[in-house]
PDB file of N, CA and C in Angstrom:
ATOM      1  N   MET A   1      -8.768  15.908  27.698  1.00  0.00           N
ATOM      2  CA  MET A   1      -9.121  16.563  26.194  1.00  0.00           C
ATOM      3  C   MET A   1     -10.402  15.837  25.818  1.00  0.00           C
ATOM      4  N   ILE A   2     -11.268  16.186  25.235  1.00  0.00           N
ATOM      5  CA  ILE A   2     -12.447  15.777  24.577  1.00  0.00           C
ATOM      6  C   ILE A   2     -12.033  15.641  22.936  1.00  0.00           C
ATOM      7  N   ALA A   3     -11.830  14.469  22.614  1.00  0.00           N
ATOM      8  CA  ALA A   3     -11.534  14.207  21.097  1.00  0.00           C
ATOM      9  C   ALA A   3     -12.859  14.536  20.382  1.00  0.00           C
ATOM     10  N   LEU A   4     -12.613  15.420  19.216  1.00  0.00           N
ATOM     11  CA  LEU A   4     -13.660  15.728  18.376  1.00  0.00           C
ATOM     12  C   LEU A   4     -13.442  15.081  17.055  1.00  0.00           C
ATOM     13  N   ALA A   5     -12.172  14.444  16.789  1.00  0.00           N
ATOM     14  CA  ALA A   5     -12.092  13.728  15.522  1.00  0.00           C
ATOM     15  C   ALA A   5     -10.930  12.669  15.903  1.00  0.00           C
ATOM     16  N   ARG A   6     -10.970  11.629  14.996  1.00  0.00           N
ATOM     17  CA  ARG A   6      -9.968  10.638  15.028  1.00  0.00           C
ATOM     18  C   ARG A   6      -9.267  10.578  13.730  1.00  0.00           C
ATOM     19  N   VAL A   7      -7.980  10.693  13.719  1.00  0.00           N
ATOM     20  CA  VAL A   7      -7.299  10.475  12.637  1.00  0.00           C
ATOM     21  C   VAL A   7      -6.773   9.176  12.209  1.00  0.00           C
ATOM     22  N   ARG A   8      -6.895   8.775  10.764  1.00  0.00           N
ATOM     23  CA  ARG A   8      -6.528   7.476  10.522  1.00  0.00           C
ATOM     24  C   ARG A   8      -5.802   7.732   9.147  1.00  0.00           C
ATOM     25  N   VAL A   9      -4.715   6.761   9.128  1.00  0.00           N
ATOM     26  CA  VAL A   9      -3.987   6.728   7.919  1.00  0.00           C
ATOM     27  C   VAL A   9      -3.954   5.325   7.291  1.00  0.00           C
ATOM     28  N   ASP A  10      -4.326   5.191   6.021  1.00  0.00           N
ATOM     29  CA  ASP A  10      -4.244   4.012   5.455  1.00  0.00           C
ATOM     30  C   ASP A  10      -2.813   3.677   4.889  1.00  0.00           C
ATOM     31  N   ALA A  11      -2.210   2.841   5.591  1.00  0.00           N
ATOM     32  CA  ALA A  11      -0.842   2.490   5.274  1.00  0.00           C
ATOM     33  C   ALA A  11      -0.600   1.849   3.909  1.00  0.00           C
ATOM     34  N   GLU A  12      -1.534   1.231   3.460  1.00  0.00           N
ATOM     35  CA  GLU A  12      -1.607   0.727   2.017  1.00  0.00           C
ATOM     36  C   GLU A  12      -1.303   1.632   1.079  1.00  0.00           C
ATOM     37  N   LYS A  13      -1.972   2.789   1.164  1.00  0.00           N
ATOM     38  CA  LYS A  13      -2.068   3.850   0.238  1.00  0.00           C
ATOM     39  C   LYS A  13      -0.943   4.922   0.507  1.00  0.00           C
ATOM     40  N   CYS A  14      -0.321   5.085   1.556  1.00  0.00           N
ATOM     41  CA  CYS A  14       0.611   6.023   1.739  1.00  0.00           C
ATOM     42  C   CYS A  14       1.893   5.637   0.948  1.00  0.00           C
ATOM     43  N   VAL A  15       2.732   6.401   0.256  1.00  0.00           N
ATOM     44  CA  VAL A  15       3.965   5.980  -0.491  1.00  0.00           C
ATOM     45  C   VAL A  15       5.059   7.290   0.159  1.00  0.00           C
ATOM     46  N   GLY A  16       4.618   8.007   1.130  1.00  0.00           N
ATOM     47  CA  GLY A  16       5.700   8.752   1.703  1.00  0.00           C
ATOM     48  C   GLY A  16       6.133  10.113   1.122  1.00  0.00           C
ATOM     49  N   HIS A  17       5.013  10.604   0.604  1.00  0.00           N
ATOM     50  CA  HIS A  17       5.494  12.099   0.127  1.00  0.00           C
ATOM     51  C   HIS A  17       5.747  12.992   1.178  1.00  0.00           C
ATOM     52  N   GLY A  18       5.150  12.750   2.421  1.00  0.00           N
ATOM     53  CA  GLY A  18       5.831  13.684   3.437  1.00  0.00           C
ATOM     54  C   GLY A  18       4.992  14.996   3.565  1.00  0.00           C
ATOM     55  N   ARG A  19       4.135  15.248   2.990  1.00  0.00           N
ATOM     56  CA  ARG A  19       3.392  16.587   3.159  1.00  0.00           C
ATOM     57  C   ARG A  19       2.657  16.702   4.548  1.00  0.00           C
ATOM     58  N   CYS A  20       2.062  15.562   4.932  1.00  0.00           N
ATOM     59  CA  CYS A  20       1.335  15.471   6.132  1.00  0.00           C
ATOM     60  C   CYS A  20       2.196  15.988   7.302  1.00  0.00           C
ATOM     61  N   TYR A  21       3.531  15.185   7.474  1.00  0.00           N
ATOM     62  CA  TYR A  21       4.035  15.675   8.733  1.00  0.00           C
ATOM     63  C   TYR A  21       4.940  16.929   8.543  1.00  0.00           C
ATOM     64  N   VAL A  22       4.995  17.403   7.299  1.00  0.00           N
ATOM     65  CA  VAL A  22       5.516  18.757   7.108  1.00  0.00           C
ATOM     66  C   VAL A  22       4.591  19.761   7.574  1.00  0.00           C
ATOM     67  N   LEU A  23       3.379  19.730   7.079  1.00  0.00           N
ATOM     68  CA  LEU A  23       2.227  20.541   7.388  1.00  0.00           C
ATOM     69  C   LEU A  23       1.739  20.428   8.903  1.00  0.00           C
ATOM     70  N   ALA A  24       1.769  19.299   9.239  1.00  0.00           N
ATOM     71  CA  ALA A  24       1.066  19.118  10.570  1.00  0.00           C
ATOM     72  C   ALA A  24       2.080  18.222  11.588  1.00  0.00           C
ATOM     73  N   PRO A  25       3.182  18.643  11.884  1.00  0.00           N
ATOM     74  CA  PRO A  25       3.950  17.956  12.831  1.00  0.00           C
ATOM     75  C   PRO A  25       3.477  17.461  14.270  1.00  0.00           C
ATOM     76  N   GLU A  26       2.521  18.211  14.713  1.00  0.00           N
ATOM     77  CA  GLU A  26       1.774  17.896  15.948  1.00  0.00           C
ATOM     78  C   GLU A  26       0.866  16.596  15.857  1.00  0.00           C
ATOM     79  N   VAL A  27       0.537  16.200  14.535  1.00  0.00           N
ATOM     80  CA  VAL A  27      -0.191  15.055  14.420  1.00  0.00           C
ATOM     81  C   VAL A  27       0.382  13.912  13.753  1.00  0.00           C
ATOM     82  N   PHE A  28       1.368  14.159  12.931  1.00  0.00           N
ATOM     83  CA  PHE A  28       1.943  13.310  11.963  1.00  0.00           C
ATOM     84  C   PHE A  28       3.499  13.145  12.151  1.00  0.00           C
ATOM     85  N   GLU A  29       4.151  12.067  12.113  1.00  0.00           N
ATOM     86  CA  GLU A  29       5.582  11.896  11.747  1.00  0.00           C
ATOM     87  C   GLU A  29       5.775  10.900  11.043  1.00  0.00           C
ATOM     88  N   GLU A  30       7.125  10.844  10.552  1.00  0.00           N
ATOM     89  CA  GLU A  30       7.572   9.695   9.630  1.00  0.00           C
ATOM     90  C   GLU A  30       8.147   8.559  10.078  1.00  0.00           C
ATOM     91  N   ASP A  31       7.826   7.325   9.552  1.00  0.00           N
ATOM     92  CA  ASP A  31       8.623   6.290   9.946  1.00  0.00           C
ATOM     93  C   ASP A  31       9.880   5.960   9.252  1.00  0.00           C
ATOM     94  N   GLU A  32      10.655   4.982   9.584  1.00  0.00           N
ATOM     95  CA  GLU A  32      11.968   4.840   8.941  1.00  0.00           C
ATOM     96  C   GLU A  32      11.985   4.741   7.408  1.00  0.00           C
ATOM     97  N   ARG A  33      10.774   4.545   6.606  1.00  0.00           N
ATOM     98  CA  ARG A  33      10.826   4.616   5.256  1.00  0.00           C
ATOM     99  C   ARG A  33      10.385   5.968   4.790  1.00  0.00           C
ATOM    100  N   GLY A  34       9.941   6.998   5.496  1.00  0.00           N
ATOM    101  CA  GLY A  34       9.356   8.150   5.289  1.00  0.00           C
ATOM    102  C   GLY A  34       7.935   8.246   5.174  1.00  0.00           C
ATOM    103  N   HIS A  35       7.266   7.072   5.489  1.00  0.00           N
ATOM    104  CA  HIS A  35       5.768   7.025   5.475  1.00  0.00           C
ATOM    105  C   HIS A  35       5.133   7.662   6.835  1.00  0.00           C
ATOM    106  N   CYS A  36       3.819   8.106   6.615  1.00  0.00           N
ATOM    107  CA  CYS A  36       3.303   8.601   7.609  1.00  0.00           C
ATOM    108  C   CYS A  36       2.882   7.634   8.799  1.00  0.00           C
ATOM    109  N   ILE A  37       3.062   8.398   9.943  1.00  0.00           N
ATOM    110  CA  ILE A  37       2.660   7.676  11.459  1.00  0.00           C
ATOM    111  C   ILE A  37       1.732   8.820  11.962  1.00  0.00           C
ATOM    112  N   VAL A  38       0.677   8.445  12.489  1.00  0.00           N
ATOM    113  CA  VAL A  38      -0.118   9.353  13.396  1.00  0.00           C
ATOM    114  C   VAL A  38       0.396   9.273  14.754  1.00  0.00           C
ATOM    115  N   ILE A  39       0.644  10.296  15.309  1.00  0.00           N
ATOM    116  CA  ILE A  39       1.031  10.529  16.439  1.00  0.00           C
ATOM    117  C   ILE A  39       0.102  10.836  17.652  1.00  0.00           C
ATOM    118  N   GLU A  40      -0.964  11.559  16.975  1.00  0.00           N
ATOM    119  CA  GLU A  40      -2.016  12.175  17.848  1.00  0.00           C
ATOM    120  C   GLU A  40      -3.122  11.724  17.250  1.00  0.00           C
ATOM    121  N   GLU A  41      -3.654  10.399  17.696  1.00  0.00           N
ATOM    122  CA  GLU A  41      -4.751   9.832  16.903  1.00  0.00           C
ATOM    123  C   GLU A  41      -6.153  10.372  17.210  1.00  0.00           C
ATOM    124  N   ASP A  42      -6.417  11.009  18.501  1.00  0.00           N
ATOM    125  CA  ASP A  42      -7.528  11.669  18.817  1.00  0.00           C
ATOM    126  C   ASP A  42      -7.199  13.043  19.133  1.00  0.00           C
ATOM    127  N   VAL A  43      -7.798  13.866  18.271  1.00  0.00           N
ATOM    128  CA  VAL A  43      -7.470  15.289  18.207  1.00  0.00           C
ATOM    129  C   VAL A  43      -8.560  16.210  18.538  1.00  0.00           C
ATOM    130  N   SER A  44      -8.284  17.249  19.161  1.00  0.00           N
ATOM    131  CA  SER A  44      -9.235  18.501  19.511  1.00  0.00           C
ATOM    132  C   SER A  44      -9.289  19.337  18.295  1.00  0.00           C
ATOM    133  N   GLU A  45     -10.234  20.207  18.567  1.00  0.00           N
ATOM    134  CA  GLU A  45     -10.571  21.133  17.320  1.00  0.00           C
ATOM    135  C   GLU A  45      -9.321  21.692  16.740  1.00  0.00           C
ATOM    136  N   ALA A  46      -8.515  22.223  17.628  1.00  0.00           N
ATOM    137  CA  ALA A  46      -7.356  22.981  17.234  1.00  0.00           C
ATOM    138  C   ALA A  46      -6.235  21.965  16.184  1.00  0.00           C
ATOM    139  N   LEU A  47      -6.190  20.792  16.746  1.00  0.00           N
ATOM    140  CA  LEU A  47      -5.297  19.874  16.076  1.00  0.00           C
ATOM    141  C   LEU A  47      -6.132  19.121  14.838  1.00  0.00           C
ATOM    142  N   ALA A  48      -7.375  19.183  15.092  1.00  0.00           N
ATOM    143  CA  ALA A  48      -7.989  18.753  13.825  1.00  0.00           C
ATOM    144  C   ALA A  48      -7.930  19.587  12.541  1.00  0.00           C
ATOM    145  N   ASP A  49      -7.755  21.059  12.793  1.00  0.00           N
ATOM    146  CA  ASP A  49      -7.407  21.760  11.870  1.00  0.00           C
ATOM    147  C   ASP A  49      -6.151  21.549  11.042  1.00  0.00           C
ATOM    148  N   GLU A  50      -5.201  21.090  11.997  1.00  0.00           N
ATOM    149  CA  GLU A  50      -3.822  20.653  11.352  1.00  0.00           C
ATOM    150  C   GLU A  50      -3.849  19.468  10.622  1.00  0.00           C
ATOM    151  N   ALA A  51      -4.593  18.417  11.102  1.00  0.00           N
ATOM    152  CA  ALA A  51      -4.745  17.141  10.653  1.00  0.00           C
ATOM    153  C   ALA A  51      -5.496  17.283   9.219  1.00  0.00           C
ATOM    154  N   ARG A  52      -6.340  18.294   9.029  1.00  0.00           N
ATOM    155  CA  ARG A  52      -7.131  18.244   7.742  1.00  0.00           C
ATOM    156  C   ARG A  52      -6.145  18.932   6.782  1.00  0.00           C
ATOM    157  N   LYS A  53      -5.116  19.720   7.036  1.00  0.00           N
ATOM    158  CA  LYS A  53      -4.005  20.069   6.355  1.00  0.00           C
ATOM    159  C   LYS A  53      -3.243  18.931   5.660  1.00  0.00           C
ATOM    160  N   GLY A  54      -3.003  17.882   6.545  1.00  0.00           N
ATOM    161  CA  GLY A  54      -2.407  16.780   6.036  1.00  0.00           C
ATOM    162  C   GLY A  54      -3.338  16.096   5.077  1.00  0.00           C
ATOM    163  N   GLU A  55      -4.741  15.888   5.383  1.00  0.00           N
ATOM    164  CA  GLU A  55      -5.460  15.067   4.678  1.00  0.00           C
ATOM    165  C   GLU A  55      -5.821  15.740   3.417  1.00  0.00           C
ATOM    166  N   ARG A  56      -5.848  17.038   3.281  1.00  0.00           N
ATOM    167  CA  ARG A  56      -6.289  17.841   1.891  1.00  0.00           C
ATOM    168  C   ARG A  56      -4.941  17.640   1.011  1.00  0.00           C
ATOM    169  N   ASN A  57      -3.661  17.598   1.719  1.00  0.00           N
ATOM    170  CA  ASN A  57      -2.626  17.673   0.808  1.00  0.00           C
ATOM    171  C   ASN A  57      -1.974  16.278   0.500  1.00  0.00           C
ATOM    172  N   CYS A  58      -2.623  15.214   0.909  1.00  0.00           N
ATOM    173  CA  CYS A  58      -2.074  13.820   0.814  1.00  0.00           C
ATOM    174  C   CYS A  58      -2.536  13.449  -0.665  1.00  0.00           C
ATOM    175  N   PRO A  59      -1.589  13.405  -1.498  1.00  0.00           N
ATOM    176  CA  PRO A  59      -1.774  12.991  -2.999  1.00  0.00           C
ATOM    177  C   PRO A  59      -2.529  11.683  -3.208  1.00  0.00           C
ATOM    178  N   GLU A  60      -2.298  10.623  -2.262  1.00  0.00           N
ATOM    179  CA  GLU A  60      -2.949   9.441  -2.330  1.00  0.00           C
ATOM    180  C   GLU A  60      -4.413   9.268  -1.570  1.00  0.00           C
ATOM    181  N   GLY A  61      -4.854  10.288  -0.908  1.00  0.00           N
ATOM    182  CA  GLY A  61      -5.869  10.371  -0.207  1.00  0.00           C
ATOM    183  C   GLY A  61      -5.787   9.083   0.947  1.00  0.00           C
ATOM    184  N   ALA A  62      -4.641   8.910   1.596  1.00  0.00           N
ATOM    185  CA  ALA A  62      -4.524   8.056   2.488  1.00  0.00           C
ATOM    186  C   ALA A  62      -4.768   8.475   3.892  1.00  0.00           C
ATOM    187  N   ILE A  63      -5.165   9.680   4.053  1.00  0.00           N
ATOM    188  CA  ILE A  63      -5.498  10.277   5.540  1.00  0.00           C
ATOM    189  C   ILE A  63      -6.973  10.584   5.419  1.00  0.00           C
ATOM    190  N   ARG A  64      -7.658  10.095   6.621  1.00  0.00           N
ATOM    191  CA  ARG A  64      -8.861  10.813   6.834  1.00  0.00           C
ATOM    192  C   ARG A  64      -9.240  10.899   8.272  1.00  0.00           C
ATOM    193  N   LEU A  65     -10.190  11.841   8.443  1.00  0.00           N
ATOM    194  CA  LEU A  65     -10.677  12.222   9.793  1.00  0.00           C
ATOM    195  C   LEU A  65     -12.069  11.778  10.165  1.00  0.00           C
ATOM    196  N   GLU A  66     -12.217  11.112  11.215  1.00  0.00           N
ATOM    197  CA  GLU A  66     -13.531  10.595  11.402  1.00  0.00           C
ATOM    198  C   GLU A  66     -14.039  11.303  12.731  1.00  0.00           C
ATOM    199  N   ARG A  67     -15.384  11.539  12.599  1.00  0.00           N
ATOM    200  CA  ARG A  67     -16.073  12.201  13.712  1.00  0.00           C
ATOM    201  C   ARG A  67     -16.734  11.131  14.772  1.00  0.00           C
TER     202      ARG A  67
END
C-alpha cells in the first residue's frame, strides 16, 4: 500500500467525544477512557476520506492528516 496521508491525534486535546471512531472505525478506535487511538496511521486515498470525516468532526481539532 502506498500511503497518501498520515493520521495524527493530539492526545492532549482529545477529550473523548468519540465522533472519530464512530464515523471512521477503520481508522480510529477508543482507548479505555474513550479517547481516540489511531489504528491505521498511514492511510490510502480511500481511508484518507474516512479519516477526514473524523478530522472534520472533532470538536477539539485533535486530529490532523499530513501529506
